[in-house]
Amino acid sequence: MKIFFVVDSIDSIGDKLDILKKTYPKASICFFVKDKYYEMYKTDQFVQKRLISIYKKSPNEQIELYIKNGAVEESLVLYSSAYLDEKMILDMQQRIANGSKAIFFKCEESNTFGAWLRNVYAKLTQLIFGAKDCYASTKLQYISAEVMEVLKLTKFKLRLFSSITKDFSFVYFDNKKKKQMYDKIVWNKSIYFIVATFAIILGAFVTLEILLDLHFLILFSFVVILLALIFVLIIMLAKSVLDSRSNY
């Protein structure tokens, strides 16, 4: 097995490595270290012998370059900022034994509104990008050799989509681990521009209506423009979430 270990935090790295070494003693560990942490590992021989890349923004780009130029193996992706315990690994191994070719780690959502929002987002990604985001953690995932072969020919960031294989499953974790398992969403600058444009047009619409008593066609035009901006905003929000999850 190949383990892609992304160092994006220095919290409990030793504990996570101990779990991996205990569970997969023969696995090949590849380190991708964020530039601001590299100085800490300059003298660490274990990391230095297995260091593949120092990245600034997107470890995905570096992992993709690595897999495109190497042999395909079953793989485990782990970010050092993720939560990891032996039970999660055992659950994953059980699903591998049952035939899963990709395993996503996902929070059991008890919030009905949150679950509804994620369902809307998944349908938007299906509509816009032709693939459904599983909305599982980006920080921990098992990928079989068969699926890695597909990703080698396409894009490594597509590993978050259910379309990479029909034989996938989920390992669920509780809300206490949620903050550790998910990345922060970065909004696109275009979103702020659209929101500002919407506010300006709405303000102009209200002001002109009060002062001039606008005709129906002008009112209708304002409403159409505002609805169009809302639609574009929804699309841009979905794209921004997807970019944050797949590019970083």
C-alpha atoms as a PDB file:
ATOM      1  CA  MET A   1       0.000   0.000   0.000  1.00  0.00           C
ATOM      2  CA  LYS A   2       1.049   3.576  -0.700  1.00  0.00           C
ATOM      3  CA  ILE A   3       0.249   6.155   1.990  1.00  0.00           C
ATOM      4  CA  PHE A   4       0.120   9.801   0.924  1.00  0.00           C
ATOM      5  CA  PHE A   5       0.792  11.673   4.171  1.00  0.00           C
ATOM      6  CA  VAL A   6       0.099  15.394   3.797  1.00  0.00           C
ATOM      7  CA  VAL A   7       1.611  17.502   6.573  1.00  0.00           C
ATOM      8  CA  ASP A   8      -0.762  20.475   6.874  1.00  0.00           C
ATOM      9  CA  SER A   9      -0.622  20.605  10.687  1.00  0.00           C
ATOM     10  CA  ILE A  10       1.809  19.497  13.389  1.00  0.00           C
ATOM     11  CA  ASP A  11      -0.801  18.275  15.877  1.00  0.00           C
ATOM     12  CA  SER A  12      -0.458  14.605  16.943  1.00  0.00           C
ATOM     13  CA  ILE A  13       1.567  13.610  13.861  1.00  0.00           C
ATOM     14  CA  GLY A  14       3.484  10.997  15.857  1.00  0.00           C
ATOM     15  CA  ASP A  15       0.267   9.306  17.029  1.00  0.00           C
ATOM     16  CA  LYS A  16      -1.087   9.077  13.487  1.00  0.00           C
ATOM     17  CA  LEU A  17       2.186   7.683  12.145  1.00  0.00           C
ATOM     18  CA  ASP A  18       2.233   5.088  14.949  1.00  0.00           C
ATOM     19  CA  ILE A  19      -1.256   3.898  13.941  1.00  0.00           C
ATOM     20  CA  LEU A  20      -0.215   3.645  10.288  1.00  0.00           C
ATOM     21  CA  LYS A  21       3.039   1.812  11.050  1.00  0.00           C
ATOM     22  CA  LYS A  22       1.202  -0.613  13.328  1.00  0.00           C
ATOM     23  CA  THR A  23      -1.604  -1.257  10.832  1.00  0.00           C
ATOM     24  CA  TYR A  24       0.459  -1.237   7.630  1.00  0.00           C
ATOM     25  CA  PRO A  25       4.077  -2.042   8.587  1.00  0.00           C
ATOM     26  CA  LYS A  26       5.049  -2.737   4.964  1.00  0.00           C
ATOM     27  CA  ALA A  27       3.334   0.330   3.478  1.00  0.00           C
ATOM     28  CA  SER A  28       5.317   2.935   1.589  1.00  0.00           C
ATOM     29  CA  ILE A  29       4.763   6.363   3.175  1.00  0.00           C
ATOM     30  CA  CYS A  30       5.164   9.442   0.978  1.00  0.00           C
ATOM     31  CA  PHE A  31       5.334  12.861   2.631  1.00  0.00           C
ATOM     32  CA  PHE A  32       3.967  16.089   1.150  1.00  0.00           C
ATOM     33  CA  VAL A  33       4.918  18.878   3.543  1.00  0.00           C
ATOM     34  CA  LYS A  34       3.439  22.377   3.641  1.00  0.00           C
ATOM     35  CA  ASP A  35       6.245  24.915   3.143  1.00  0.00           C
ATOM     36  CA  LYS A  36       5.788  26.614   6.537  1.00  0.00           C
ATOM     37  CA  TYR A  37       6.434  23.303   8.339  1.00  0.00           C
ATOM     38  CA  TYR A  38       9.419  22.141   6.298  1.00  0.00           C
ATOM     39  CA  GLU A  39      12.056  23.681   8.601  1.00  0.00           C
ATOM     40  CA  MET A  40      10.804  21.442  11.399  1.00  0.00           C
ATOM     41  CA  TYR A  41      11.573  18.297   9.376  1.00  0.00           C
ATOM     42  CA  LYS A  42      14.940  19.204   7.869  1.00  0.00           C
ATOM     43  CA  THR A  43      16.746  16.929  10.330  1.00  0.00           C
ATOM     44  CA  ASP A  44      14.054  14.242  10.555  1.00  0.00           C
ATOM     45  CA  GLN A  45      15.581  11.336   8.646  1.00  0.00           C
ATOM     46  CA  PHE A  46      12.351   9.325   8.552  1.00  0.00           C
ATOM     47  CA  VAL A  47      10.542  12.167   6.778  1.00  0.00           C
ATOM     48  CA  GLN A  48      13.496  13.224   4.622  1.00  0.00           C
ATOM     49  CA  LYS A  49      13.934   9.715   3.158  1.00  0.00           C
ATOM     50  CA  ARG A  50      10.273   9.681   2.172  1.00  0.00           C
ATOM     51  CA  LEU A  51       9.765  13.347   1.269  1.00  0.00           C
ATOM     52  CA  ILE A  52       8.185  13.755  -2.169  1.00  0.00           C
ATOM     53  CA  SER A  53       7.293  17.419  -2.265  1.00  0.00           C
ATOM     54  CA  ILE A  54       7.066  20.701  -0.375  1.00  0.00           C
ATOM     55  CA  TYR A  55       3.843  22.460  -1.323  1.00  0.00           C
ATOM     56  CA  LYS A  56       2.500  25.982  -0.852  1.00  0.00           C
ATOM     57  CA  LYS A  57      -1.217  25.782  -1.656  1.00  0.00           C
ATOM     58  CA  SER A  58      -2.390  22.545  -3.200  1.00  0.00           C
ATOM     59  CA  PRO A  59      -0.930  19.169  -2.171  1.00  0.00           C
ATOM     60  CA  ASN A  60      -3.339  17.632  -4.707  1.00  0.00           C
ATOM     61  CA  GLU A  61      -1.293  19.010  -7.587  1.00  0.00           C
ATOM     62  CA  GLN A  62       1.869  17.454  -6.170  1.00  0.00           C
ATOM     63  CA  ILE A  63       0.197  14.095  -5.512  1.00  0.00           C
ATOM     64  CA  GLU A  64      -1.181  14.089  -9.041  1.00  0.00           C
ATOM     65  CA  LEU A  65       2.276  14.698 -10.539  1.00  0.00           C
ATOM     66  CA  TYR A  66       3.638  11.877  -8.405  1.00  0.00           C
ATOM     67  CA  ILE A  67       1.028   9.267  -9.355  1.00  0.00           C
ATOM     68  CA  LYS A  68       1.202  10.139 -13.055  1.00  0.00           C
ATOM     69  CA  ASN A  69       4.929   9.363 -13.059  1.00  0.00           C
ATOM     70  CA  GLY A  70       4.880   6.230 -10.919  1.00  0.00           C
ATOM     71  CA  ALA A  71       3.450   2.768 -10.530  1.00  0.00           C
ATOM     72  CA  VAL A  72      -0.186   2.390  -9.487  1.00  0.00           C
ATOM     73  CA  GLU A  73      -0.893   0.931  -6.036  1.00  0.00           C
ATOM     74  CA  GLU A  74      -3.783   0.850  -3.597  1.00  0.00           C
ATOM     75  CA  SER A  75      -3.479   4.029  -1.606  1.00  0.00           C
ATOM     76  CA  LEU A  76      -4.483   5.809   1.562  1.00  0.00           C
ATOM     77  CA  VAL A  77      -4.631   9.607   1.671  1.00  0.00           C
ATOM     78  CA  LEU A  78      -4.167  11.153   5.119  1.00  0.00           C
ATOM     79  CA  TYR A  79      -3.761  14.802   6.096  1.00  0.00           C
ATOM     80  CA  SER A  80      -2.010  15.321   9.426  1.00  0.00           C
ATOM     81  CA  SER A  81      -4.821  17.689  10.521  1.00  0.00           C
ATOM     82  CA  ALA A  82      -7.367  14.862  10.216  1.00  0.00           C
ATOM     83  CA  TYR A  83      -8.643  12.818  13.126  1.00  0.00           C
ATOM     84  CA  LEU A  84      -7.472   9.202  13.055  1.00  0.00           C
ATOM     85  CA  ASP A  85      -7.955   6.268  15.422  1.00  0.00           C
ATOM     86  CA  GLU A  86      -7.633   2.499  15.112  1.00  0.00           C
ATOM     87  CA  LYS A  87     -11.394   1.983  14.977  1.00  0.00           C
ATOM     88  CA  MET A  88     -11.642   4.073  11.805  1.00  0.00           C
ATOM     89  CA  ILE A  89      -8.895   1.978  10.201  1.00  0.00           C
ATOM     90  CA  LEU A  90     -10.616  -1.265  11.270  1.00  0.00           C
ATOM     91  CA  ASP A  91     -13.932  -0.034   9.809  1.00  0.00           C
ATOM     92  CA  MET A  92     -12.122   0.821   6.599  1.00  0.00           C
ATOM     93  CA  GLN A  93     -10.459  -2.607   6.409  1.00  0.00           C
ATOM     94  CA  GLN A  94     -13.837  -4.294   6.871  1.00  0.00           C
ATOM     95  CA  ARG A  95     -15.258  -2.383   3.910  1.00  0.00           C
ATOM     96  CA  ILE A  96     -12.205  -3.228   1.791  1.00  0.00           C
ATOM     97  CA  ALA A  97     -12.776  -6.905   2.632  1.00  0.00           C
ATOM     98  CA  ASN A  98     -16.398  -6.485   1.520  1.00  0.00           C
ATOM     99  CA  GLY A  99     -15.293  -5.236  -1.901  1.00  0.00           C
ATOM    100  CA  SER A 100     -15.239  -1.437  -1.639  1.00  0.00           C
ATOM    101  CA  LYS A 101     -12.844   0.122  -4.139  1.00  0.00           C
ATOM    102  CA  ALA A 102     -13.054   3.616  -2.612  1.00  0.00           C
ATOM    103  CA  ILE A 103     -13.881   4.538   0.964  1.00  0.00           C
ATOM    104  CA  PHE A 104     -14.992   7.974   2.090  1.00  0.00           C
ATOM    105  CA  PHE A 105     -14.984   9.174   5.702  1.00  0.00           C
ATOM    106  CA  LYS A 106     -18.099  11.146   6.474  1.00  0.00           C
ATOM    107  CA  CYS A 107     -19.814  12.822   9.422  1.00  0.00           C
ATOM    108  CA  GLU A 108     -23.198  11.485  10.550  1.00  0.00           C
ATOM    109  CA  GLU A 109     -25.271  14.632  10.159  1.00  0.00           C
ATOM    110  CA  SER A 110     -27.990  15.080  12.767  1.00  0.00           C
ATOM    111  CA  ASN A 111     -28.814  18.621  11.637  1.00  0.00           C
ATOM    112  CA  THR A 112     -31.717  18.332   9.183  1.00  0.00           C
ATOM    113  CA  PHE A 113     -31.093  21.732   7.594  1.00  0.00           C
ATOM    114  CA  GLY A 114     -27.387  20.979   7.175  1.00  0.00           C
ATOM    115  CA  ALA A 115     -28.189  17.651   5.554  1.00  0.00           C
ATOM    116  CA  TRP A 116     -30.648  19.407   3.230  1.00  0.00           C
ATOM    117  CA  LEU A 117     -28.000  21.958   2.202  1.00  0.00           C
ATOM    118  CA  ARG A 118     -25.496  19.205   1.430  1.00  0.00           C
ATOM    119  CA  ASN A 119     -28.111  17.390  -0.630  1.00  0.00           C
ATOM    120  CA  VAL A 120     -28.769  20.564  -2.645  1.00  0.00           C
ATOM    121  CA  TYR A 121     -25.024  21.058  -3.121  1.00  0.00           C
ATOM    122  CA  ALA A 122     -24.594  17.448  -4.309  1.00  0.00           C
ATOM    123  CA  LYS A 123     -27.384  17.882  -6.857  1.00  0.00           C
ATOM    124  CA  LEU A 124     -25.832  21.141  -8.080  1.00  0.00           C
ATOM    125  CA  THR A 125     -22.464  19.504  -8.631  1.00  0.00           C
ATOM    126  CA  GLN A 126     -24.243  16.705 -10.481  1.00  0.00           C
ATOM    127  CA  LEU A 127     -26.048  19.256 -12.664  1.00  0.00           C
ATOM    128  CA  ILE A 128     -23.115  21.591 -13.304  1.00  0.00           C
ATOM    129  CA  PHE A 129     -20.129  19.256 -13.371  1.00  0.00           C
ATOM    130  CA  GLY A 130     -21.745  15.958 -14.300  1.00  0.00           C
ATOM    131  CA  ALA A 131     -20.518  14.226 -11.143  1.00  0.00           C
ATOM    132  CA  LYS A 132     -21.799  13.990  -7.582  1.00  0.00           C
ATOM    133  CA  ASP A 133     -19.560  15.119  -4.735  1.00  0.00           C
ATOM    134  CA  CYS A 134     -19.811  12.615  -1.880  1.00  0.00           C
ATOM    135  CA  TYR A 135     -19.241  15.471   0.570  1.00  0.00           C
ATOM    136  CA  ALA A 136     -17.001  13.309   2.696  1.00  0.00           C
ATOM    137  CA  SER A 137     -13.739  14.425   4.289  1.00  0.00           C
ATOM    138  CA  THR A 138     -10.974  15.453   1.898  1.00  0.00           C
ATOM    139  CA  LYS A 139      -8.404  14.519   4.536  1.00  0.00           C
ATOM    140  CA  LEU A 140      -8.778  10.760   4.733  1.00  0.00           C
ATOM    141  CA  GLN A 141      -9.646   8.323   1.970  1.00  0.00           C
ATOM    142  CA  TYR A 142      -8.875   4.824   0.778  1.00  0.00           C
ATOM    143  CA  ILE A 143      -8.426   4.346  -2.975  1.00  0.00           C
ATOM    144  CA  SER A 144      -7.930   0.931  -4.597  1.00  0.00           C
ATOM    145  CA  ALA A 145      -5.316   0.328  -7.305  1.00  0.00           C
ATOM    146  CA  GLU A 146      -8.127   0.035  -9.854  1.00  0.00           C
ATOM    147  CA  VAL A 147      -9.472   3.486  -9.006  1.00  0.00           C
ATOM    148  CA  MET A 148      -5.956   4.960  -8.802  1.00  0.00           C
ATOM    149  CA  GLU A 149      -5.469   3.806 -12.393  1.00  0.00           C
ATOM    150  CA  VAL A 150      -8.534   5.838 -13.390  1.00  0.00           C
ATOM    151  CA  LEU A 151      -7.304   8.883 -11.439  1.00  0.00           C
ATOM    152  CA  LYS A 152      -3.880   8.579 -13.044  1.00  0.00           C
ATOM    153  CA  LEU A 153      -5.521   9.004 -16.435  1.00  0.00           C
ATOM    154  CA  THR A 154      -7.831  11.821 -15.291  1.00  0.00           C
ATOM    155  CA  LYS A 155      -7.429  14.073 -12.237  1.00  0.00           C
ATOM    156  CA  PHE A 156      -6.525  13.126  -8.687  1.00  0.00           C
ATOM    157  CA  LYS A 157      -8.928  15.766  -7.316  1.00  0.00           C
ATOM    158  CA  LEU A 158     -11.817  13.777  -8.841  1.00  0.00           C
ATOM    159  CA  ARG A 159     -11.369  11.232  -6.038  1.00  0.00           C
ATOM    160  CA  LEU A 160     -14.112  13.082  -4.117  1.00  0.00           C
ATOM    161  CA  PHE A 161     -16.775  12.132  -6.668  1.00  0.00           C
ATOM    162  CA  SER A 162     -18.979   9.064  -6.424  1.00  0.00           C
ATOM    163  CA  SER A 163     -18.488   8.583 -10.174  1.00  0.00           C
ATOM    164  CA  ILE A 164     -14.924   7.281  -9.706  1.00  0.00           C
ATOM    165  CA  THR A 165     -16.406   3.848  -8.984  1.00  0.00           C
ATOM    166  CA  LYS A 166     -19.745   2.202  -8.273  1.00  0.00           C
ATOM    167  CA  ASP A 167     -18.169   0.145  -5.486  1.00  0.00           C
ATOM    168  CA  PHE A 168     -17.658   2.761  -2.781  1.00  0.00           C
ATOM    169  CA  SER A 169     -18.746   3.010   0.842  1.00  0.00           C
ATOM    170  CA  PHE A 170     -18.637   5.334   3.838  1.00  0.00           C
ATOM    171  CA  VAL A 171     -17.034   5.160   7.269  1.00  0.00           C
ATOM    172  CA  TYR A 172     -18.963   7.490   9.556  1.00  0.00           C
ATOM    173  CA  PHE A 173     -17.507   9.549  12.396  1.00  0.00           C
ATOM    174  CA  ASP A 174     -19.290  11.674  14.993  1.00  0.00           C
ATOM    175  CA  ASN A 175     -19.662  15.455  15.189  1.00  0.00           C
ATOM    176  CA  LYS A 176     -16.847  15.793  17.744  1.00  0.00           C
ATOM    177  CA  LYS A 177     -14.347  14.994  14.989  1.00  0.00           C
ATOM    178  CA  LYS A 178     -16.074  17.144  12.359  1.00  0.00           C
ATOM    179  CA  LYS A 179     -13.911  20.269  12.691  1.00  0.00           C
ATOM    180  CA  GLN A 180     -10.743  18.228  12.302  1.00  0.00           C
ATOM    181  CA  MET A 181     -11.984  16.290   9.302  1.00  0.00           C
ATOM    182  CA  TYR A 182     -13.169  19.099   7.025  1.00  0.00           C
ATOM    183  CA  ASP A 183     -11.287  21.958   5.411  1.00  0.00           C
ATOM    184  CA  LYS A 184     -12.379  25.571   5.608  1.00  0.00           C
ATOM    185  CA  ILE A 185     -14.338  26.731   2.562  1.00  0.00           C
ATOM    186  CA  VAL A 186     -12.697  29.602   0.671  1.00  0.00           C
ATOM    187  CA  TRP A 187     -15.172  31.897  -1.088  1.00  0.00           C
ATOM    188  CA  ASN A 188     -14.391  33.005  -4.617  1.00  0.00           C
ATOM    189  CA  LYS A 189     -13.964  36.794  -5.080  1.00  0.00           C
ATOM    190  CA  SER A 190     -16.695  36.641  -7.732  1.00  0.00           C
ATOM    191  CA  ILE A 191     -19.193  35.748  -5.000  1.00  0.00           C
ATOM    192  CA  TYR A 192     -18.570  39.020  -3.181  1.00  0.00           C
ATOM    193  CA  PHE A 193     -18.914  40.906  -6.477  1.00  0.00           C
ATOM    194  CA  ILE A 194     -22.268  39.246  -7.207  1.00  0.00           C
ATOM    195  CA  VAL A 195     -23.560  39.938  -3.680  1.00  0.00           C
ATOM    196  CA  ALA A 196     -22.496  43.589  -3.968  1.00  0.00           C
ATOM    197  CA  THR A 197     -24.147  43.891  -7.398  1.00  0.00           C
ATOM    198  CA  PHE A 198     -27.333  42.325  -6.045  1.00  0.00           C
ATOM    199  CA  ALA A 199     -27.395  44.791  -3.117  1.00  0.00           C
ATOM    200  CA  ILE A 200     -26.829  47.792  -5.406  1.00  0.00           C
ATOM    201  CA  ILE A 201     -29.544  46.764  -7.880  1.00  0.00           C
ATOM    202  CA  LEU A 202     -31.993  45.964  -5.077  1.00  0.00           C
ATOM    203  CA  GLY A 203     -31.277  49.341  -3.462  1.00  0.00           C
ATOM    204  CA  ALA A 204     -31.757  51.130  -6.772  1.00  0.00           C
ATOM    205  CA  PHE A 205     -34.987  49.204  -7.389  1.00  0.00           C
ATOM    206  CA  VAL A 206     -36.465  50.183  -3.992  1.00  0.00           C
ATOM    207  CA  THR A 207     -35.356  53.807  -4.307  1.00  0.00           C
ATOM    208  CA  LEU A 208     -36.723  54.279  -7.829  1.00  0.00           C
ATOM    209  CA  GLU A 209     -39.987  52.567  -6.917  1.00  0.00           C
ATOM    210  CA  ILE A 210     -40.511  54.961  -4.004  1.00  0.00           C
ATOM    211  CA  LEU A 211     -39.537  58.085  -5.975  1.00  0.00           C
ATOM    212  CA  LEU A 212     -40.851  57.399  -9.462  1.00  0.00           C
ATOM    213  CA  ASP A 213     -43.604  54.752  -9.156  1.00  0.00           C
ATOM    214  CA  LEU A 214     -42.069  52.548 -11.880  1.00  0.00           C
ATOM    215  CA  HIS A 215     -44.071  50.920 -14.656  1.00  0.00           C
ATOM    216  CA  PHE A 216     -44.761  47.190 -14.644  1.00  0.00           C
ATOM    217  CA  LEU A 217     -42.217  46.347 -17.375  1.00  0.00           C
ATOM    218  CA  ILE A 218     -39.438  48.131 -15.523  1.00  0.00           C
ATOM    219  CA  LEU A 219     -40.406  46.380 -12.291  1.00  0.00           C
ATOM    220  CA  PHE A 220     -40.486  43.057 -14.125  1.00  0.00           C
ATOM    221  CA  SER A 221     -37.011  43.729 -15.580  1.00  0.00           C
ATOM    222  CA  PHE A 222     -35.608  44.431 -12.115  1.00  0.00           C
ATOM    223  CA  VAL A 223     -37.097  41.213 -10.751  1.00  0.00           C
ATOM    224  CA  VAL A 224     -35.684  39.167 -13.650  1.00  0.00           C
ATOM    225  CA  ILE A 225     -32.219  40.651 -13.140  1.00  0.00           C
ATOM    226  CA  LEU A 226     -32.329  39.962  -9.394  1.00  0.00           C
ATOM    227  CA  LEU A 227     -33.457  36.356  -9.959  1.00  0.00           C
ATOM    228  CA  ALA A 228     -30.695  35.891 -12.527  1.00  0.00           C
ATOM    229  CA  LEU A 229     -28.128  37.173 -10.011  1.00  0.00           C
ATOM    230  CA  ILE A 230     -29.471  34.796  -7.349  1.00  0.00           C
ATOM    231  CA  PHE A 231     -29.131  31.881  -9.789  1.00  0.00           C
ATOM    232  CA  VAL A 232     -25.553  32.864 -10.704  1.00  0.00           C
ATOM    233  CA  LEU A 233     -24.722  33.291  -7.010  1.00  0.00           C
ATOM    234  CA  ILE A 234     -25.949  29.771  -6.215  1.00  0.00           C
ATOM    235  CA  ILE A 235     -23.833  28.360  -9.051  1.00  0.00           C
ATOM    236  CA  MET A 236     -20.756  30.311  -7.922  1.00  0.00           C
ATOM    237  CA  LEU A 237     -21.240  29.183  -4.313  1.00  0.00           C
ATOM    238  CA  ALA A 238     -21.391  25.550  -5.412  1.00  0.00           C
ATOM    239  CA  LYS A 239     -18.264  25.985  -7.546  1.00  0.00           C
ATOM    240  CA  SER A 240     -16.406  27.726  -4.723  1.00  0.00           C
ATOM    241  CA  VAL A 241     -17.209  24.895  -2.297  1.00  0.00           C
ATOM    242  CA  LEU A 242     -16.125  22.313  -4.858  1.00  0.00           C
ATOM    243  CA  ASP A 243     -12.886  24.171  -5.640  1.00  0.00           C
ATOM    244  CA  SER A 244     -12.051  24.461  -1.929  1.00  0.00           C
ATOM    245  CA  ARG A 245     -12.617  20.737  -1.428  1.00  0.00           C
ATOM    246  CA  SER A 246     -10.895  19.466  -4.530  1.00  0.00           C
ATOM    247  CA  ASN A 247      -7.969  21.842  -5.045  1.00  0.00           C
ATOM    248  CA  TYR A 248      -6.538  22.193  -1.545  1.00  0.00           C
END
